[in-house]
mmCIF file of all heavy atoms, coordinates in Angstrom:
data_MODEL
# 
_entry.id   MODEL 
# 
loop_
_atom_site.group_PDB 
_atom_site.id 
_atom_site.type_symbol 
_atom_site.label_atom_id 
_atom_site.label_alt_id 
_atom_site.label_comp_id 
_atom_site.label_asym_id 
_atom_site.label_entity_id 
_atom_site.label_seq_id 
_atom_site.pdbx_PDB_ins_code 
_atom_site.Cartn_x 
_atom_site.Cartn_y 
_atom_site.Cartn_z 
_atom_site.occupancy 
_atom_site.B_iso_or_equiv 
_atom_site.pdbx_formal_charge 
_atom_site.auth_seq_id 
_atom_site.auth_comp_id 
_atom_site.auth_asym_id 
_atom_site.auth_atom_id 
_atom_site.pdbx_PDB_model_num 
ATOM 1   N N   . SER A 1 1  ? -23.896 1.041   15.319  1.00 0.00 ? 1  SER A N   1 
ATOM 2   C CA  . SER A 1 1  ? -23.161 1.915   14.413  1.00 0.00 ? 1  SER A CA  1 
ATOM 3   C C   . SER A 1 1  ? -23.552 1.586   12.979  1.00 0.00 ? 1  SER A C   1 
ATOM 4   O O   . SER A 1 1  ? -23.859 0.435   12.655  1.00 0.00 ? 1  SER A O   1 
ATOM 5   C CB  . SER A 1 1  ? -21.648 1.723   14.590  1.00 0.00 ? 1  SER A CB  1 
ATOM 6   O OG  . SER A 1 1  ? -20.925 2.386   13.576  1.00 0.00 ? 1  SER A OG  1 
ATOM 7   N N   . ASP A 1 2  ? -23.495 2.601   12.112  1.00 0.00 ? 2  ASP A N   1 
ATOM 8   C CA  . ASP A 1 2  ? -23.742 2.397   10.690  1.00 0.00 ? 2  ASP A CA  1 
ATOM 9   C C   . ASP A 1 2  ? -22.470 2.587   9.870   1.00 0.00 ? 2  ASP A C   1 
ATOM 10  O O   . ASP A 1 2  ? -22.529 2.761   8.649   1.00 0.00 ? 2  ASP A O   1 
ATOM 11  C CB  . ASP A 1 2  ? -24.826 3.358   10.193  1.00 0.00 ? 2  ASP A CB  1 
ATOM 12  C CG  . ASP A 1 2  ? -26.205 2.993   10.717  1.00 0.00 ? 2  ASP A CG  1 
ATOM 13  O OD1 . ASP A 1 2  ? -26.505 1.788   10.772  1.00 0.00 ? 2  ASP A OD1 1 
ATOM 14  O OD2 . ASP A 1 2  ? -26.965 3.905   11.068  1.00 0.00 ? 2  ASP A OD2 1 
ATOM 15  N N   . ASN A 1 3  ? -21.316 2.565   10.548  1.00 0.00 ? 3  ASN A N   1 
ATOM 16  C CA  . ASN A 1 3  ? -20.037 2.688   9.865   1.00 0.00 ? 3  ASN A CA  1 
ATOM 17  C C   . ASN A 1 3  ? -19.460 1.302   9.581   1.00 0.00 ? 3  ASN A C   1 
ATOM 18  O O   . ASN A 1 3  ? -19.668 0.360   10.352  1.00 0.00 ? 3  ASN A O   1 
ATOM 19  C CB  . ASN A 1 3  ? -19.045 3.495   10.697  1.00 0.00 ? 3  ASN A CB  1 
ATOM 20  C CG  . ASN A 1 3  ? -19.473 4.946   10.838  1.00 0.00 ? 3  ASN A CG  1 
ATOM 21  O OD1 . ASN A 1 3  ? -20.106 5.500   9.941   1.00 0.00 ? 3  ASN A OD1 1 
ATOM 22  N ND2 . ASN A 1 3  ? -19.139 5.560   11.959  1.00 0.00 ? 3  ASN A ND2 1 
ATOM 23  N N   . LEU A 1 4  ? -18.704 1.180   8.492   1.00 0.00 ? 4  LEU A N   1 
ATOM 24  C CA  . LEU A 1 4  ? -18.239 -0.120  8.033   1.00 0.00 ? 4  LEU A CA  1 
ATOM 25  C C   . LEU A 1 4  ? -16.768 -0.079  7.657   1.00 0.00 ? 4  LEU A C   1 
ATOM 26  O O   . LEU A 1 4  ? -16.324 0.818   6.945   1.00 0.00 ? 4  LEU A O   1 
ATOM 27  C CB  . LEU A 1 4  ? -19.060 -0.550  6.810   1.00 0.00 ? 4  LEU A CB  1 
ATOM 28  C CG  . LEU A 1 4  ? -18.594 -1.804  6.048   1.00 0.00 ? 4  LEU A CG  1 
ATOM 29  C CD1 . LEU A 1 4  ? -18.723 -3.040  6.919   1.00 0.00 ? 4  LEU A CD1 1 
ATOM 30  C CD2 . LEU A 1 4  ? -19.391 -1.950  4.750   1.00 0.00 ? 4  LEU A CD2 1 
ATOM 31  N N   . LEU A 1 5  ? -16.009 -1.073  8.136   1.00 0.00 ? 5  LEU A N   1 
ATOM 32  C CA  . LEU A 1 5  ? -14.643 -1.320  7.683   1.00 0.00 ? 5  LEU A CA  1 
ATOM 33  C C   . LEU A 1 5  ? -14.606 -2.647  6.940   1.00 0.00 ? 5  LEU A C   1 
ATOM 34  O O   . LEU A 1 5  ? -15.087 -3.667  7.445   1.00 0.00 ? 5  LEU A O   1 
ATOM 35  C CB  . LEU A 1 5  ? -13.671 -1.402  8.867   1.00 0.00 ? 5  LEU A CB  1 
ATOM 36  C CG  . LEU A 1 5  ? -12.280 -1.980  8.531   1.00 0.00 ? 5  LEU A CG  1 
ATOM 37  C CD1 . LEU A 1 5  ? -11.459 -0.996  7.703   1.00 0.00 ? 5  LEU A CD1 1 
ATOM 38  C CD2 . LEU A 1 5  ? -11.515 -2.377  9.795   1.00 0.00 ? 5  LEU A CD2 1 
ATOM 39  N N   . VAL A 1 6  ? -14.024 -2.646  5.752   1.00 0.00 ? 6  VAL A N   1 
ATOM 40  C CA  . VAL A 1 6  ? -13.707 -3.882  5.033   1.00 0.00 ? 6  VAL A CA  1 
ATOM 41  C C   . VAL A 1 6  ? -12.189 -3.983  5.008   1.00 0.00 ? 6  VAL A C   1 
ATOM 42  O O   . VAL A 1 6  ? -11.509 -3.130  4.413   1.00 0.00 ? 6  VAL A O   1 
ATOM 43  C CB  . VAL A 1 6  ? -14.268 -3.887  3.603   1.00 0.00 ? 6  VAL A CB  1 
ATOM 44  C CG1 . VAL A 1 6  ? -13.896 -5.198  2.901   1.00 0.00 ? 6  VAL A CG1 1 
ATOM 45  C CG2 . VAL A 1 6  ? -15.780 -3.694  3.617   1.00 0.00 ? 6  VAL A CG2 1 
ATOM 46  N N   . TYR A 1 7  ? -11.647 -5.010  5.667   1.00 0.00 ? 7  TYR A N   1 
ATOM 47  C CA  . TYR A 1 7  ? -10.202 -5.146  5.835   1.00 0.00 ? 7  TYR A CA  1 
ATOM 48  C C   . TYR A 1 7  ? -9.703  -6.383  5.102   1.00 0.00 ? 7  TYR A C   1 
ATOM 49  O O   . TYR A 1 7  ? -10.261 -7.477  5.250   1.00 0.00 ? 7  TYR A O   1 
ATOM 50  C CB  . TYR A 1 7  ? -9.839  -5.262  7.316   1.00 0.00 ? 7  TYR A CB  1 
ATOM 51  C CG  . TYR A 1 7  ? -8.340  -5.361  7.564   1.00 0.00 ? 7  TYR A CG  1 
ATOM 52  C CD1 . TYR A 1 7  ? -7.568  -4.220  7.692   1.00 0.00 ? 7  TYR A CD1 1 
ATOM 53  C CD2 . TYR A 1 7  ? -7.712  -6.605  7.657   1.00 0.00 ? 7  TYR A CD2 1 
ATOM 54  C CE1 . TYR A 1 7  ? -6.198  -4.302  7.896   1.00 0.00 ? 7  TYR A CE1 1 
ATOM 55  C CE2 . TYR A 1 7  ? -6.336  -6.695  7.860   1.00 0.00 ? 7  TYR A CE2 1 
ATOM 56  C CZ  . TYR A 1 7  ? -5.593  -5.539  7.981   1.00 0.00 ? 7  TYR A CZ  1 
ATOM 57  O OH  . TYR A 1 7  ? -4.228  -5.618  8.183   1.00 0.00 ? 7  TYR A OH  1 
ATOM 58  N N   . PHE A 1 8  ? -8.626  -6.216  4.325   1.00 0.00 ? 8  PHE A N   1 
ATOM 59  C CA  . PHE A 1 8  ? -8.030  -7.308  3.565   1.00 0.00 ? 8  PHE A CA  1 
ATOM 60  C C   . PHE A 1 8  ? -6.733  -7.753  4.247   1.00 0.00 ? 8  PHE A C   1 
ATOM 61  O O   . PHE A 1 8  ? -5.825  -6.945  4.463   1.00 0.00 ? 8  PHE A O   1 
ATOM 62  C CB  . PHE A 1 8  ? -7.748  -6.865  2.127   1.00 0.00 ? 8  PHE A CB  1 
ATOM 63  C CG  . PHE A 1 8  ? -8.992  -6.601  1.325   1.00 0.00 ? 8  PHE A CG  1 
ATOM 64  C CD1 . PHE A 1 8  ? -9.655  -5.373  1.420   1.00 0.00 ? 8  PHE A CD1 1 
ATOM 65  C CD2 . PHE A 1 8  ? -9.522  -7.577  0.494   1.00 0.00 ? 8  PHE A CD2 1 
ATOM 66  C CE1 . PHE A 1 8  ? -10.805 -5.121  0.695   1.00 0.00 ? 8  PHE A CE1 1 
ATOM 67  C CE2 . PHE A 1 8  ? -10.681 -7.339  -0.233  1.00 0.00 ? 8  PHE A CE2 1 
ATOM 68  C CZ  . PHE A 1 8  ? -11.325 -6.116  -0.137  1.00 0.00 ? 8  PHE A CZ  1 
ATOM 69  N N   . GLN A 1 9  ? -6.656  -9.039  4.556   1.00 0.00 ? 9  GLN A N   1 
ATOM 70  C CA  . GLN A 1 9  ? -5.493  -9.583  5.246   1.00 0.00 ? 9  GLN A CA  1 
ATOM 71  C C   . GLN A 1 9  ? -4.283  -9.649  4.318   1.00 0.00 ? 9  GLN A C   1 
ATOM 72  O O   . GLN A 1 9  ? -4.409  -9.839  3.110   1.00 0.00 ? 9  GLN A O   1 
ATOM 73  C CB  . GLN A 1 9  ? -5.799  -10.993 5.759   1.00 0.00 ? 9  GLN A CB  1 
ATOM 74  C CG  . GLN A 1 9  ? -4.660  -11.624 6.568   1.00 0.00 ? 9  GLN A CG  1 
ATOM 75  C CD  . GLN A 1 9  ? -4.892  -13.101 6.859   1.00 0.00 ? 9  GLN A CD  1 
ATOM 76  O OE1 . GLN A 1 9  ? -5.765  -13.730 6.271   1.00 0.00 ? 9  GLN A OE1 1 
ATOM 77  N NE2 . GLN A 1 9  ? -4.111  -13.661 7.761   1.00 0.00 ? 9  GLN A NE2 1 
ATOM 78  N N   . GLY A 1 10 ? -3.090  -9.503  4.887   1.00 0.00 ? 10 GLY A N   1 
ATOM 79  C CA  . GLY A 1 10 ? -1.862  -9.634  4.136   1.00 0.00 ? 10 GLY A CA  1 
ATOM 80  C C   . GLY A 1 10 ? -1.279  -11.036 4.214   1.00 0.00 ? 10 GLY A C   1 
ATOM 81  O O   . GLY A 1 10 ? -1.811  -11.920 4.877   1.00 0.00 ? 10 GLY A O   1 
ATOM 82  N N   . GLY A 1 11 ? -0.156  -11.234 3.520   1.00 0.00 ? 11 GLY A N   1 
ATOM 83  C CA  . GLY A 1 11 ? 0.515   -12.528 3.491   1.00 0.00 ? 11 GLY A CA  1 
ATOM 84  C C   . GLY A 1 11 ? 1.425   -12.623 2.281   1.00 0.00 ? 11 GLY A C   1 
ATOM 85  O O   . GLY A 1 11 ? 1.626   -11.644 1.555   1.00 0.00 ? 11 GLY A O   1 
ATOM 86  N N   . GLY A 1 12 ? 1.976   -13.799 2.033   1.00 0.00 ? 12 GLY A N   1 
ATOM 87  C CA  . GLY A 1 12 ? 2.921   -13.984 0.938   1.00 0.00 ? 12 GLY A CA  1 
ATOM 88  C C   . GLY A 1 12 ? 2.244   -14.137 -0.408  1.00 0.00 ? 12 GLY A C   1 
ATOM 89  O O   . GLY A 1 12 ? 1.020   -14.086 -0.526  1.00 0.00 ? 12 GLY A O   1 
ATOM 90  N N   . ALA A 1 13 ? 3.055   -14.349 -1.440  1.00 0.00 ? 13 ALA A N   1 
ATOM 91  C CA  . ALA A 1 13 ? 2.528   -14.510 -2.796  1.00 0.00 ? 13 ALA A CA  1 
ATOM 92  C C   . ALA A 1 13 ? 3.415   -15.484 -3.565  1.00 0.00 ? 13 ALA A C   1 
ATOM 93  O O   . ALA A 1 13 ? 4.572   -15.712 -3.218  1.00 0.00 ? 13 ALA A O   1 
ATOM 94  C CB  . ALA A 1 13 ? 2.482   -13.163 -3.520  1.00 0.00 ? 13 ALA A CB  1 
ATOM 95  N N   . CYS A 1 14 ? 2.849   -16.080 -4.615  1.00 0.00 ? 14 CYS A N   1 
ATOM 96  C CA  . CYS A 1 14 ? 3.633   -16.947 -5.494  1.00 0.00 ? 14 CYS A CA  1 
ATOM 97  C C   . CYS A 1 14 ? 3.118   -16.821 -6.913  1.00 0.00 ? 14 CYS A C   1 
ATOM 98  O O   . CYS A 1 14 ? 1.963   -16.441 -7.129  1.00 0.00 ? 14 CYS A O   1 
ATOM 99  C CB  . CYS A 1 14 ? 3.594   -18.396 -5.009  1.00 0.00 ? 14 CYS A CB  1 
ATOM 100 S SG  . CYS A 1 14 ? 2.067   -19.305 -5.343  1.00 0.00 ? 14 CYS A SG  1 
ATOM 101 N N   . TRP A 1 15 ? 3.984   -17.149 -7.885  1.00 0.00 ? 15 TRP A N   1 
ATOM 102 C CA  . TRP A 1 15 ? 3.589   -16.928 -9.281  1.00 0.00 ? 15 TRP A CA  1 
ATOM 103 C C   . TRP A 1 15 ? 4.261   -17.885 -10.263 1.00 0.00 ? 15 TRP A C   1 
ATOM 104 O O   . TRP A 1 15 ? 4.086   -17.763 -11.462 1.00 0.00 ? 15 TRP A O   1 
ATOM 105 C CB  . TRP A 1 15 ? 3.906   -15.486 -9.693  1.00 0.00 ? 15 TRP A CB  1 
ATOM 106 C CG  . TRP A 1 15 ? 5.340   -15.101 -9.423  1.00 0.00 ? 15 TRP A CG  1 
ATOM 107 C CD1 . TRP A 1 15 ? 6.407   -15.248 -10.270 1.00 0.00 ? 15 TRP A CD1 1 
ATOM 108 C CD2 . TRP A 1 15 ? 5.861   -14.530 -8.220  1.00 0.00 ? 15 TRP A CD2 1 
ATOM 109 N NE1 . TRP A 1 15 ? 7.562   -14.804 -9.674  1.00 0.00 ? 15 TRP A NE1 1 
ATOM 110 C CE2 . TRP A 1 15 ? 7.257   -14.353 -8.408  1.00 0.00 ? 15 TRP A CE2 1 
ATOM 111 C CE3 . TRP A 1 15 ? 5.295   -14.140 -7.007  1.00 0.00 ? 15 TRP A CE3 1 
ATOM 112 C CZ2 . TRP A 1 15 ? 8.090   -13.816 -7.427  1.00 0.00 ? 15 TRP A CZ2 1 
ATOM 113 C CZ3 . TRP A 1 15 ? 6.119   -13.616 -6.027  1.00 0.00 ? 15 TRP A CZ3 1 
ATOM 114 C CH2 . TRP A 1 15 ? 7.499   -13.442 -6.243  1.00 0.00 ? 15 TRP A CH2 1 
ATOM 115 N N   . ASP A 1 16 ? 5.020   -18.856 -9.773  1.00 0.00 ? 16 ASP A N   1 
ATOM 116 C CA  . ASP A 1 16 ? 5.654   -19.817 -10.677 1.00 0.00 ? 16 ASP A CA  1 
ATOM 117 C C   . ASP A 1 16 ? 5.963   -21.100 -9.911  1.00 0.00 ? 16 ASP A C   1 
ATOM 118 O O   . ASP A 1 16 ? 5.622   -21.223 -8.728  1.00 0.00 ? 16 ASP A O   1 
ATOM 119 C CB  . ASP A 1 16 ? 6.921   -19.230 -11.318 1.00 0.00 ? 16 ASP A CB  1 
ATOM 120 C CG  . ASP A 1 16 ? 7.941   -18.743 -10.288 1.00 0.00 ? 16 ASP A CG  1 
ATOM 121 O OD1 . ASP A 1 16 ? 7.890   -19.186 -9.112  1.00 0.00 ? 16 ASP A OD1 1 
ATOM 122 O OD2 . ASP A 1 16 ? 8.813   -17.930 -10.649 1.00 0.00 ? 16 ASP A OD2 1 
ATOM 123 N N   . GLY A 1 17 ? 6.614   -22.049 -10.587 1.00 0.00 ? 17 GLY A N   1 
ATOM 124 C CA  . GLY A 1 17 ? 6.890   -23.328 -9.952  1.00 0.00 ? 17 GLY A CA  1 
ATOM 125 C C   . GLY A 1 17 ? 7.798   -23.222 -8.759  1.00 0.00 ? 17 GLY A C   1 
ATOM 126 O O   . GLY A 1 17 ? 7.642   -23.973 -7.781  1.00 0.00 ? 17 GLY A O   1 
ATOM 127 N N   . PHE A 1 18 ? 8.747   -22.290 -8.808  1.00 0.00 ? 18 PHE A N   1 
ATOM 128 C CA  . PHE A 1 18 ? 9.666   -22.138 -7.679  1.00 0.00 ? 18 PHE A CA  1 
ATOM 129 C C   . PHE A 1 18 ? 8.966   -21.542 -6.463  1.00 0.00 ? 18 PHE A C   1 
ATOM 130 O O   . PHE A 1 18 ? 9.020   -22.094 -5.374  1.00 0.00 ? 18 PHE A O   1 
ATOM 131 C CB  . PHE A 1 18 ? 10.858  -21.261 -8.086  1.00 0.00 ? 18 PHE A CB  1 
ATOM 132 C CG  . PHE A 1 18 ? 11.863  -21.089 -6.979  1.00 0.00 ? 18 PHE A CG  1 
ATOM 133 C CD1 . PHE A 1 18 ? 12.833  -22.055 -6.753  1.00 0.00 ? 18 PHE A CD1 1 
ATOM 134 C CD2 . PHE A 1 18 ? 11.828  -19.962 -6.168  1.00 0.00 ? 18 PHE A CD2 1 
ATOM 135 C CE1 . PHE A 1 18 ? 13.753  -21.901 -5.721  1.00 0.00 ? 18 PHE A CE1 1 
ATOM 136 C CE2 . PHE A 1 18 ? 12.746  -19.797 -5.138  1.00 0.00 ? 18 PHE A CE2 1 
ATOM 137 C CZ  . PHE A 1 18 ? 13.719  -20.769 -4.911  1.00 0.00 ? 18 PHE A CZ  1 
ATOM 138 N N   . THR A 1 19 ? 8.292   -20.387 -6.669  1.00 0.00 ? 19 THR A N   1 
ATOM 139 C CA  . THR A 1 19 ? 7.672   -19.726 -5.517  1.00 0.00 ? 19 THR A CA  1 
ATOM 140 C C   . THR A 1 19 ? 6.486   -20.516 -4.983  1.00 0.00 ? 19 THR A C   1 
ATOM 141 O O   . THR A 1 19 ? 6.325   -20.674 -3.769  1.00 0.00 ? 19 THR A O   1 
ATOM 142 C CB  . THR A 1 19 ? 7.235   -18.297 -5.885  1.00 0.00 ? 19 THR A CB  1 
ATOM 143 O OG1 . THR A 1 19 ? 6.400   -18.337 -7.058  1.00 0.00 ? 19 THR A OG1 1 
ATOM 144 C CG2 . THR A 1 19 ? 8.445   -17.418 -6.158  1.00 0.00 ? 19 THR A CG2 1 
ATOM 145 N N   . CYS A 1 20 ? 5.632   -21.037 -5.870  1.00 0.00 ? 20 CYS A N   1 
ATOM 146 C CA  . CYS A 1 20 ? 4.479   -21.812 -5.405  1.00 0.00 ? 20 CYS A CA  1 
ATOM 147 C C   . CYS A 1 20 ? 4.904   -23.173 -4.868  1.00 0.00 ? 20 CYS A C   1 
ATOM 148 O O   . CYS A 1 20 ? 4.303   -23.708 -3.941  1.00 0.00 ? 20 CYS A O   1 
ATOM 149 C CB  . CYS A 1 20 ? 3.452   -21.987 -6.521  1.00 0.00 ? 20 CYS A CB  1 
ATOM 150 S SG  . CYS A 1 20 ? 2.648   -20.445 -7.030  1.00 0.00 ? 20 CYS A SG  1 
ATOM 151 N N   . GLY A 1 21 ? 5.953   -23.742 -5.458  1.00 0.00 ? 21 GLY A N   1 
ATOM 152 C CA  . GLY A 1 21 ? 6.465   -25.006 -4.946  1.00 0.00 ? 21 GLY A CA  1 
ATOM 153 C C   . GLY A 1 21 ? 7.101   -24.849 -3.578  1.00 0.00 ? 21 GLY A C   1 
ATOM 154 O O   . GLY A 1 21 ? 7.001   -25.735 -2.729  1.00 0.00 ? 21 GLY A O   1 
ATOM 155 N N   . SER A 1 22 ? 7.746   -23.704 -3.352  1.00 0.00 ? 22 SER A N   1 
ATOM 156 C CA  . SER A 1 22 ? 8.381   -23.449 -2.055  1.00 0.00 ? 22 SER A CA  1 
ATOM 157 C C   . SER A 1 22 ? 7.362   -23.421 -0.933  1.00 0.00 ? 22 SER A C   1 
ATOM 158 O O   . SER A 1 22 ? 7.494   -24.110 0.072   1.00 0.00 ? 22 SER A O   1 
ATOM 159 C CB  . SER A 1 22 ? 9.148   -22.123 -2.101  1.00 0.00 ? 22 SER A CB  1 
ATOM 160 O OG  . SER A 1 22 ? 10.205  -22.179 -3.030  1.00 0.00 ? 22 SER A OG  1 
ATOM 161 N N   . ILE A 1 23 ? 6.316   -22.619 -1.121  1.00 0.00 ? 23 ILE A N   1 
ATOM 162 C CA  . ILE A 1 23 ? 5.315   -22.537 -0.060  1.00 0.00 ? 23 ILE A CA  1 
ATOM 163 C C   . ILE A 1 23 ? 4.363   -23.724 -0.101  1.00 0.00 ? 23 ILE A C   1 
ATOM 164 O O   . ILE A 1 23 ? 3.702   -24.028 0.889   1.00 0.00 ? 23 ILE A O   1 
ATOM 165 C CB  . ILE A 1 23 ? 4.523   -21.212 -0.124  1.00 0.00 ? 23 ILE A CB  1 
ATOM 166 C CG1 . ILE A 1 23 ? 3.769   -21.071 -1.439  1.00 0.00 ? 23 ILE A CG1 1 
ATOM 167 C CG2 . ILE A 1 23 ? 5.436   -20.032 0.093   1.00 0.00 ? 23 ILE A CG2 1 
ATOM 168 C CD1 . ILE A 1 23 ? 2.912   -19.819 -1.509  1.00 0.00 ? 23 ILE A CD1 1 
ATOM 169 N N   . GLY A 1 24 ? 4.344   -24.437 -1.244  1.00 0.00 ? 24 GLY A N   1 
ATOM 170 C CA  . GLY A 1 24 ? 3.497   -25.620 -1.345  1.00 0.00 ? 24 GLY A CA  1 
ATOM 171 C C   . GLY A 1 24 ? 3.902   -26.716 -0.395  1.00 0.00 ? 24 GLY A C   1 
ATOM 172 O O   . GLY A 1 24 ? 3.101   -27.589 -0.037  1.00 0.00 ? 24 GLY A O   1 
# 
């Protein structure tokens, strides 16, 4: 095949000491 899918995986996010520290 010459067709292409580029797929981006999902998941959580963090942006400060609380959120990044929580998942850290």
